[in-house]
Amino acid sequence: MSTAISPPPSQTARAHGGARAGRTALALPFDPVLALAVVGICACSLANLHTVREPGVPLDFYAKRQAIYFVLGALMAIGVSRLDY
């Protein structure tokens, strides 16, 4: 009499192509050091652009525009990182 150890249900469903095969809850790794580095670079860039003085252009025109691009880029990066390729 031999007893076979069966794999957990999640592995069984994946192995047999079940309805939830390959689907996970998108538990993606988050690197806080990398995120902090990106935010720091963005902050330094905005501080640098805030000092640009050009005749006929409002003082923080370039900094505001770049801040909008940073936010849009961050939202797009978060969205793309959640796609299951």
PDB file of N, CA and C in Angstrom:
ATOM      1  N   MET A   1       0.836  -1.173   0.000  1.00  0.00           N
ATOM      2  CA  MET A   1       0.000   0.000   0.000  1.00  0.00           C
ATOM      3  C   MET A   1       0.886   1.244   0.000  1.00  0.00           C
ATOM      4  N   SER A   2       0.793   2.008  -1.054  1.00  0.00           N
ATOM      5  CA  SER A   2       1.610   3.220  -1.124  1.00  0.00           C
ATOM      6  C   SER A   2       0.698   4.435  -1.065  1.00  0.00           C
ATOM      7  N   THR A   3       1.184   5.451  -0.418  1.00  0.00           N
ATOM      8  CA  THR A   3       0.423   6.696  -0.346  1.00  0.00           C
ATOM      9  C   THR A   3       1.107   7.727  -1.220  1.00  0.00           C
ATOM     10  N   ALA A   4       0.355   8.277  -2.134  1.00  0.00           N
ATOM     11  CA  ALA A   4       0.888   9.306  -3.025  1.00  0.00           C
ATOM     12  C   ALA A   4       0.565  10.671  -2.440  1.00  0.00           C
ATOM     13  N   ILE A   5       1.547  11.521  -2.448  1.00  0.00           N
ATOM     14  CA  ILE A   5       1.345  12.883  -1.954  1.00  0.00           C
ATOM     15  C   ILE A   5       0.924  13.729  -3.144  1.00  0.00           C
ATOM     16  N   SER A   6      -0.220  14.328  -3.043  1.00  0.00           N
ATOM     17  CA  SER A   6      -0.715  15.141  -4.158  1.00  0.00           C
ATOM     18  C   SER A   6      -0.259  16.582  -3.978  1.00  0.00           C
ATOM     19  N   PRO A   7       0.006  17.275  -5.089  1.00  0.00           N
ATOM     20  CA  PRO A   7       0.425  18.677  -5.003  1.00  0.00           C
ATOM     21  C   PRO A   7      -0.747  19.545  -4.567  1.00  0.00           C
ATOM     22  N   PRO A   8      -0.437  20.765  -4.098  1.00  0.00           N
ATOM     23  CA  PRO A   8      -1.511  21.677  -3.700  1.00  0.00           C
ATOM     24  C   PRO A   8      -2.449  21.958  -4.875  1.00  0.00           C
ATOM     25  N   PRO A   9      -3.699  22.333  -4.598  1.00  0.00           N
ATOM     26  CA  PRO A   9      -4.669  22.580  -5.674  1.00  0.00           C
ATOM     27  C   PRO A   9      -4.220  23.637  -6.673  1.00  0.00           C
ATOM     28  N   SER A  10      -3.475  24.642  -6.235  1.00  0.00           N
ATOM     29  CA  SER A  10      -3.059  25.692  -7.165  1.00  0.00           C
ATOM     30  C   SER A  10      -2.120  25.128  -8.229  1.00  0.00           C
ATOM     31  N   GLN A  11      -1.208  24.239  -7.835  1.00  0.00           N
ATOM     32  CA  GLN A  11      -0.304  23.637  -8.803  1.00  0.00           C
ATOM     33  C   GLN A  11      -1.035  22.669  -9.712  1.00  0.00           C
ATOM     34  N   THR A  12      -2.015  21.964  -9.164  1.00  0.00           N
ATOM     35  CA  THR A  12      -2.785  21.028  -9.967  1.00  0.00           C
ATOM     36  C   THR A  12      -3.562  21.767 -11.049  1.00  0.00           C
ATOM     37  N   ALA A  13      -4.194  22.886 -10.693  1.00  0.00           N
ATOM     38  CA  ALA A  13      -4.974  23.658 -11.667  1.00  0.00           C
ATOM     39  C   ALA A  13      -4.070  24.206 -12.759  1.00  0.00           C
ATOM     40  N   ARG A  14      -2.873  24.666 -12.382  1.00  0.00           N
ATOM     41  CA  ARG A  14      -1.957  25.199 -13.370  1.00  0.00           C
ATOM     42  C   ARG A  14      -1.454  24.108 -14.301  1.00  0.00           C
ATOM     43  N   ALA A  15      -1.172  22.970 -13.733  1.00  0.00           N
ATOM     44  CA  ALA A  15      -0.633  21.871 -14.537  1.00  0.00           C
ATOM     45  C   ALA A  15      -1.665  21.325 -15.512  1.00  0.00           C
ATOM     46  N   HIS A  16      -2.920  21.362 -15.154  1.00  0.00           N
ATOM     47  CA  HIS A  16      -3.973  20.809 -15.995  1.00  0.00           C
ATOM     48  C   HIS A  16      -4.723  21.874 -16.785  1.00  0.00           C
ATOM     49  N   GLY A  17      -4.220  23.111 -16.787  1.00  0.00           N
ATOM     50  CA  GLY A  17      -4.844  24.170 -17.577  1.00  0.00           C
ATOM     51  C   GLY A  17      -6.200  24.572 -17.054  1.00  0.00           C
ATOM     52  N   GLY A  18      -6.335  24.661 -15.755  1.00  0.00           N
ATOM     53  CA  GLY A  18      -7.603  25.033 -15.142  1.00  0.00           C
ATOM     54  C   GLY A  18      -7.988  26.456 -15.458  1.00  0.00           C
ATOM     55  N   ALA A  19      -9.148  26.863 -14.976  1.00  0.00           N
ATOM     56  CA  ALA A  19      -9.685  28.193 -15.274  1.00  0.00           C
ATOM     57  C   ALA A  19      -8.759  29.287 -14.762  1.00  0.00           C
ATOM     58  N   ARG A  20      -8.071  29.032 -13.684  1.00  0.00           N
ATOM     59  CA  ARG A  20      -7.205  30.061 -13.120  1.00  0.00           C
ATOM     60  C   ARG A  20      -5.735  29.746 -13.393  1.00  0.00           C
ATOM     61  N   ALA A  21      -5.463  28.972 -14.385  1.00  0.00           N
ATOM     62  CA  ALA A  21      -4.088  28.570 -14.682  1.00  0.00           C
ATOM     63  C   ALA A  21      -3.241  29.790 -15.008  1.00  0.00           C
ATOM     64  N   GLY A  22      -2.157  29.949 -14.282  1.00  0.00           N
ATOM     65  CA  GLY A  22      -1.226  31.034 -14.554  1.00  0.00           C
ATOM     66  C   GLY A  22      -1.646  32.386 -14.032  1.00  0.00           C
ATOM     67  N   ARG A  23      -2.813  32.518 -13.474  1.00  0.00           N
ATOM     68  CA  ARG A  23      -3.256  33.816 -12.970  1.00  0.00           C
ATOM     69  C   ARG A  23      -2.884  33.947 -11.504  1.00  0.00           C
ATOM     70  N   THR A  24      -2.268  35.049 -11.182  1.00  0.00           N
ATOM     71  CA  THR A  24      -1.940  35.353  -9.804  1.00  0.00           C
ATOM     72  C   THR A  24      -2.472  36.741  -9.493  1.00  0.00           C
ATOM     73  N   ALA A  25      -2.338  37.138  -8.262  1.00  0.00           N
ATOM     74  CA  ALA A  25      -2.888  38.420  -7.818  1.00  0.00           C
ATOM     75  C   ALA A  25      -1.923  39.576  -8.073  1.00  0.00           C
ATOM     76  N   LEU A  26      -1.070  39.469  -9.076  1.00  0.00           N
ATOM     77  CA  LEU A  26      -0.112  40.516  -9.419  1.00  0.00           C
ATOM     78  C   LEU A  26       0.666  41.014  -8.209  1.00  0.00           C
ATOM     79  N   ALA A  27       1.237  40.098  -7.484  1.00  0.00           N
ATOM     80  CA  ALA A  27       2.068  40.453  -6.344  1.00  0.00           C
ATOM     81  C   ALA A  27       3.461  40.780  -6.878  1.00  0.00           C
ATOM     82  N   LEU A  28       3.584  41.960  -7.461  1.00  0.00           N
ATOM     83  CA  LEU A  28       4.833  42.357  -8.077  1.00  0.00           C
ATOM     84  C   LEU A  28       5.792  42.895  -7.027  1.00  0.00           C
ATOM     85  N   PRO A  29       7.094  42.676  -7.212  1.00  0.00           N
ATOM     86  CA  PRO A  29       8.060  43.197  -6.249  1.00  0.00           C
ATOM     87  C   PRO A  29       8.147  44.715  -6.348  1.00  0.00           C
ATOM     88  N   PHE A  30       8.367  45.346  -5.230  1.00  0.00           N
ATOM     89  CA  PHE A  30       8.507  46.801  -5.183  1.00  0.00           C
ATOM     90  C   PHE A  30       9.871  47.109  -4.586  1.00  0.00           C
ATOM     91  N   ASP A  31      10.647  47.908  -5.273  1.00  0.00           N
ATOM     92  CA  ASP A  31      11.981  48.268  -4.807  1.00  0.00           C
ATOM     93  C   ASP A  31      11.947  49.707  -4.297  1.00  0.00           C
ATOM     94  N   PRO A  32      11.902  49.894  -2.974  1.00  0.00           N
ATOM     95  CA  PRO A  32      11.802  51.256  -2.437  1.00  0.00           C
ATOM     96  C   PRO A  32      13.045  52.102  -2.715  1.00  0.00           C
ATOM     97  N   VAL A  33      14.215  51.492  -2.787  1.00  0.00           N
ATOM     98  CA  VAL A  33      15.432  52.260  -3.065  1.00  0.00           C
ATOM     99  C   VAL A  33      15.385  52.818  -4.484  1.00  0.00           C
ATOM    100  N   LEU A  34      14.944  52.011  -5.434  1.00  0.00           N
ATOM    101  CA  LEU A  34      14.826  52.477  -6.812  1.00  0.00           C
ATOM    102  C   LEU A  34      13.772  53.577  -6.923  1.00  0.00           C
ATOM    103  N   ALA A  35      12.642  53.398  -6.254  1.00  0.00           N
ATOM    104  CA  ALA A  35      11.586  54.414  -6.286  1.00  0.00           C
ATOM    105  C   ALA A  35      12.075  55.726  -5.674  1.00  0.00           C
ATOM    106  N   LEU A  36      12.808  55.630  -4.570  1.00  0.00           N
ATOM    107  CA  LEU A  36      13.340  56.836  -3.928  1.00  0.00           C
ATOM    108  C   LEU A  36      14.372  57.525  -4.829  1.00  0.00           C
ATOM    109  N   ALA A  37      15.176  56.750  -5.527  1.00  0.00           N
ATOM    110  CA  ALA A  37      16.159  57.329  -6.449  1.00  0.00           C
ATOM    111  C   ALA A  37      15.473  58.075  -7.586  1.00  0.00           C
ATOM    112  N   VAL A  38      14.409  57.493  -8.128  1.00  0.00           N
ATOM    113  CA  VAL A  38      13.673  58.142  -9.221  1.00  0.00           C
ATOM    114  C   VAL A  38      13.025  59.434  -8.734  1.00  0.00           C
ATOM    115  N   VAL A  39      12.412  59.400  -7.560  1.00  0.00           N
ATOM    116  CA  VAL A  39      11.789  60.612  -7.009  1.00  0.00           C
ATOM    117  C   VAL A  39      12.854  61.679  -6.747  1.00  0.00           C
ATOM    118  N   GLY A  40      14.021  61.274  -6.254  1.00  0.00           N
ATOM    119  CA  GLY A  40      15.102  62.230  -6.005  1.00  0.00           C
ATOM    120  C   GLY A  40      15.602  62.878  -7.285  1.00  0.00           C
ATOM    121  N   ILE A  41      15.763  62.080  -8.327  1.00  0.00           N
ATOM    122  CA  ILE A  41      16.197  62.631  -9.612  1.00  0.00           C
ATOM    123  C   ILE A  41      15.147  63.598 -10.161  1.00  0.00           C
ATOM    124  N   CYS A  42      13.878  63.233 -10.028  1.00  0.00           N
ATOM    125  CA  CYS A  42      12.800  64.126 -10.490  1.00  0.00           C
ATOM    126  C   CYS A  42      12.810  65.432  -9.701  1.00  0.00           C
ATOM    127  N   ALA A  43      13.003  65.348  -8.389  1.00  0.00           N
ATOM    128  CA  ALA A  43      13.022  66.552  -7.559  1.00  0.00           C
ATOM    129  C   ALA A  43      14.198  67.452  -7.927  1.00  0.00           C
ATOM    130  N   CYS A  44      15.371  66.865  -8.143  1.00  0.00           N
ATOM    131  CA  CYS A  44      16.540  67.663  -8.543  1.00  0.00           C
ATOM    132  C   CYS A  44      16.316  68.312  -9.906  1.00  0.00           C
ATOM    133  N   SER A  45      15.688  67.586 -10.805  1.00  0.00           N
ATOM    134  CA  SER A  45      15.398  68.128 -12.122  1.00  0.00           C
ATOM    135  C   SER A  45      14.434  69.311 -12.031  1.00  0.00           C
ATOM    136  N   LEU A  46      13.392  69.148 -11.217  1.00  0.00           N
ATOM    137  CA  LEU A  46      12.429  70.241 -11.057  1.00  0.00           C
ATOM    138  C   LEU A  46      13.071  71.454 -10.387  1.00  0.00           C
ATOM    139  N   ALA A  47      13.940  71.223  -9.398  1.00  0.00           N
ATOM    140  CA  ALA A  47      14.627  72.339  -8.743  1.00  0.00           C
ATOM    141  C   ALA A  47      15.523  73.073  -9.736  1.00  0.00           C
ATOM    142  N   ASN A  48      16.175  72.325 -10.601  1.00  0.00           N
ATOM    143  CA  ASN A  48      17.035  72.927 -11.609  1.00  0.00           C
ATOM    144  C   ASN A  48      16.204  73.731 -12.616  1.00  0.00           C
ATOM    145  N   LEU A  49      15.095  73.168 -13.065  1.00  0.00           N
ATOM    146  CA  LEU A  49      14.255  73.874 -14.045  1.00  0.00           C
ATOM    147  C   LEU A  49      13.574  75.096 -13.437  1.00  0.00           C
ATOM    148  N   HIS A  50      13.368  75.092 -12.132  1.00  0.00           N
ATOM    149  CA  HIS A  50      12.703  76.228 -11.475  1.00  0.00           C
ATOM    150  C   HIS A  50      13.580  77.485 -11.532  1.00  0.00           C
ATOM    151  N   THR A  51      14.879  77.292 -11.670  1.00  0.00           N
ATOM    152  CA  THR A  51      15.783  78.441 -11.684  1.00  0.00           C
ATOM    153  C   THR A  51      15.989  79.027 -13.078  1.00  0.00           C
ATOM    154  N   VAL A  52      15.419  78.419 -14.112  1.00  0.00           N
ATOM    155  CA  VAL A  52      15.601  78.912 -15.478  1.00  0.00           C
ATOM    156  C   VAL A  52      14.871  80.247 -15.633  1.00  0.00           C
ATOM    157  N   ARG A  53      15.603  81.217 -16.107  1.00  0.00           N
ATOM    158  CA  ARG A  53      15.013  82.538 -16.350  1.00  0.00           C
ATOM    159  C   ARG A  53      15.192  82.869 -17.830  1.00  0.00           C
ATOM    160  N   GLU A  54      14.062  83.090 -18.476  1.00  0.00           N
ATOM    161  CA  GLU A  54      14.091  83.418 -19.894  1.00  0.00           C
ATOM    162  C   GLU A  54      13.134  84.582 -20.110  1.00  0.00           C
ATOM    163  N   PRO A  55      13.543  85.592 -20.869  1.00  0.00           N
ATOM    164  CA  PRO A  55      12.668  86.748 -21.084  1.00  0.00           C
ATOM    165  C   PRO A  55      11.356  86.352 -21.767  1.00  0.00           C
ATOM    166  N   GLY A  56      10.263  86.859 -21.238  1.00  0.00           N
ATOM    167  CA  GLY A  56       8.956  86.613 -21.839  1.00  0.00           C
ATOM    168  C   GLY A  56       8.310  85.295 -21.434  1.00  0.00           C
ATOM    169  N   VAL A  57       8.954  84.519 -20.561  1.00  0.00           N
ATOM    170  CA  VAL A  57       8.406  83.235 -20.124  1.00  0.00           C
ATOM    171  C   VAL A  57       8.213  83.297 -18.613  1.00  0.00           C
ATOM    172  N   PRO A  58       7.040  82.896 -18.108  1.00  0.00           N
ATOM    173  CA  PRO A  58       6.833  82.902 -16.658  1.00  0.00           C
ATOM    174  C   PRO A  58       7.922  82.094 -15.931  1.00  0.00           C
ATOM    175  N   LEU A  59       8.190  82.466 -14.669  1.00  0.00           N
ATOM    176  CA  LEU A  59       9.320  81.914 -13.919  1.00  0.00           C
ATOM    177  C   LEU A  59       9.322  80.391 -13.845  1.00  0.00           C
ATOM    178  N   ASP A  60       8.208  79.784 -13.501  1.00  0.00           N
ATOM    179  CA  ASP A  60       8.216  78.330 -13.321  1.00  0.00           C
ATOM    180  C   ASP A  60       7.455  77.592 -14.430  1.00  0.00           C
ATOM    181  N   PHE A  61       7.459  78.155 -15.617  1.00  0.00           N
ATOM    182  CA  PHE A  61       6.769  77.531 -16.753  1.00  0.00           C
ATOM    183  C   PHE A  61       7.329  76.153 -17.053  1.00  0.00           C
ATOM    184  N   TYR A  62       8.652  76.051 -17.169  1.00  0.00           N
ATOM    185  CA  TYR A  62       9.277  74.776 -17.522  1.00  0.00           C
ATOM    186  C   TYR A  62       9.144  73.756 -16.390  1.00  0.00           C
ATOM    187  N   ALA A  63       9.248  74.211 -15.153  1.00  0.00           N
ATOM    188  CA  ALA A  63       9.145  73.299 -14.006  1.00  0.00           C
ATOM    189  C   ALA A  63       7.732  72.713 -13.915  1.00  0.00           C
ATOM    190  N   LYS A  64       6.717  73.539 -14.122  1.00  0.00           N
ATOM    191  CA  LYS A  64       5.334  73.030 -14.075  1.00  0.00           C
ATOM    192  C   LYS A  64       5.087  72.025 -15.198  1.00  0.00           C
ATOM    193  N   ARG A  65       5.555  72.350 -16.373  1.00  0.00           N
ATOM    194  CA  ARG A  65       5.355  71.455 -17.506  1.00  0.00           C
ATOM    195  C   ARG A  65       6.079  70.122 -17.283  1.00  0.00           C
ATOM    196  N   GLN A  66       7.296  70.187 -16.756  1.00  0.00           N
ATOM    197  CA  GLN A  66       8.040  68.963 -16.496  1.00  0.00           C
ATOM    198  C   GLN A  66       7.391  68.152 -15.375  1.00  0.00           C
ATOM    199  N   ALA A  67       6.834  68.806 -14.369  1.00  0.00           N
ATOM    200  CA  ALA A  67       6.143  68.099 -13.280  1.00  0.00           C
ATOM    201  C   ALA A  67       4.929  67.345 -13.819  1.00  0.00           C
ATOM    202  N   ILE A  68       4.217  67.950 -14.744  1.00  0.00           N
ATOM    203  CA  ILE A  68       3.071  67.273 -15.357  1.00  0.00           C
ATOM    204  C   ILE A  68       3.542  66.040 -16.117  1.00  0.00           C
ATOM    205  N   TYR A  69       4.646  66.165 -16.838  1.00  0.00           N
ATOM    206  CA  TYR A  69       5.178  65.011 -17.577  1.00  0.00           C
ATOM    207  C   TYR A  69       5.668  63.916 -16.629  1.00  0.00           C
ATOM    208  N   PHE A  70       6.246  64.305 -15.501  1.00  0.00           N
ATOM    209  CA  PHE A  70       6.678  63.302 -14.517  1.00  0.00           C
ATOM    210  C   PHE A  70       5.482  62.522 -13.984  1.00  0.00           C
ATOM    211  N   VAL A  71       4.410  63.224 -13.650  1.00  0.00           N
ATOM    212  CA  VAL A  71       3.220  62.559 -13.109  1.00  0.00           C
ATOM    213  C   VAL A  71       2.595  61.640 -14.161  1.00  0.00           C
ATOM    214  N   LEU A  72       2.453  62.140 -15.384  1.00  0.00           N
ATOM    215  CA  LEU A  72       1.890  61.300 -16.448  1.00  0.00           C
ATOM    216  C   LEU A  72       2.769  60.078 -16.721  1.00  0.00           C
ATOM    217  N   GLY A  73       4.073  60.268 -16.714  1.00  0.00           N
ATOM    218  CA  GLY A  73       4.990  59.149 -16.921  1.00  0.00           C
ATOM    219  C   GLY A  73       4.908  58.126 -15.805  1.00  0.00           C
ATOM    220  N   ALA A  74       4.772  58.589 -14.564  1.00  0.00           N
ATOM    221  CA  ALA A  74       4.655  57.671 -13.426  1.00  0.00           C
ATOM    222  C   ALA A  74       3.361  56.876 -13.510  1.00  0.00           C
ATOM    223  N   LEU A  75       2.270  57.537 -13.877  1.00  0.00           N
ATOM    224  CA  LEU A  75       0.993  56.830 -14.009  1.00  0.00           C
ATOM    225  C   LEU A  75       1.046  55.793 -15.134  1.00  0.00           C
ATOM    226  N   MET A  76       1.695  56.165 -16.236  1.00  0.00           N
ATOM    227  CA  MET A  76       1.822  55.200 -17.330  1.00  0.00           C
ATOM    228  C   MET A  76       2.716  54.033 -16.932  1.00  0.00           C
ATOM    229  N   ALA A  77       3.786  54.298 -16.194  1.00  0.00           N
ATOM    230  CA  ALA A  77       4.685  53.224 -15.755  1.00  0.00           C
ATOM    231  C   ALA A  77       3.973  52.272 -14.804  1.00  0.00           C
ATOM    232  N   ILE A  78       3.160  52.804 -13.910  1.00  0.00           N
ATOM    233  CA  ILE A  78       2.393  51.952 -12.994  1.00  0.00           C
ATOM    234  C   ILE A  78       1.398  51.116 -13.785  1.00  0.00           C
ATOM    235  N   GLY A  79       0.724  51.730 -14.751  1.00  0.00           N
ATOM    236  CA  GLY A  79      -0.244  51.002 -15.566  1.00  0.00           C
ATOM    237  C   GLY A  79       0.400  49.884 -16.373  1.00  0.00           C
ATOM    238  N   VAL A  80       1.546  50.187 -16.996  1.00  0.00           N
ATOM    239  CA  VAL A  80       2.228  49.176 -17.804  1.00  0.00           C
ATOM    240  C   VAL A  80       2.782  48.053 -16.917  1.00  0.00           C
ATOM    241  N   SER A  81       3.217  48.398 -15.712  1.00  0.00           N
ATOM    242  CA  SER A  81       3.768  47.368 -14.826  1.00  0.00           C
ATOM    243  C   SER A  81       2.694  46.397 -14.363  1.00  0.00           C
ATOM    244  N   ARG A  82       1.441  46.772 -14.447  1.00  0.00           N
ATOM    245  CA  ARG A  82       0.350  45.895 -14.025  1.00  0.00           C
ATOM    246  C   ARG A  82      -0.173  45.008 -15.153  1.00  0.00           C
ATOM    247  N   LEU A  83       0.295  45.217 -16.372  1.00  0.00           N
ATOM    248  CA  LEU A  83      -0.136  44.384 -17.493  1.00  0.00           C
ATOM    249  C   LEU A  83       0.563  43.021 -17.434  1.00  0.00           C
ATOM    250  N   ASP A  84      -0.168  41.995 -17.720  1.00  0.00           N
ATOM    251  CA  ASP A  84       0.388  40.650 -17.742  1.00  0.00           C
ATOM    252  C   ASP A  84       0.772  40.330 -19.178  1.00  0.00           C
ATOM    253  N   TYR A  85       2.055  40.385 -19.456  1.00  0.00           N
ATOM    254  CA  TYR A  85       2.501  40.142 -20.821  1.00  0.00           C
ATOM    255  C   TYR A  85       2.584  38.674 -21.102  1.00  0.00           C
TER     256      TYR A  85
END
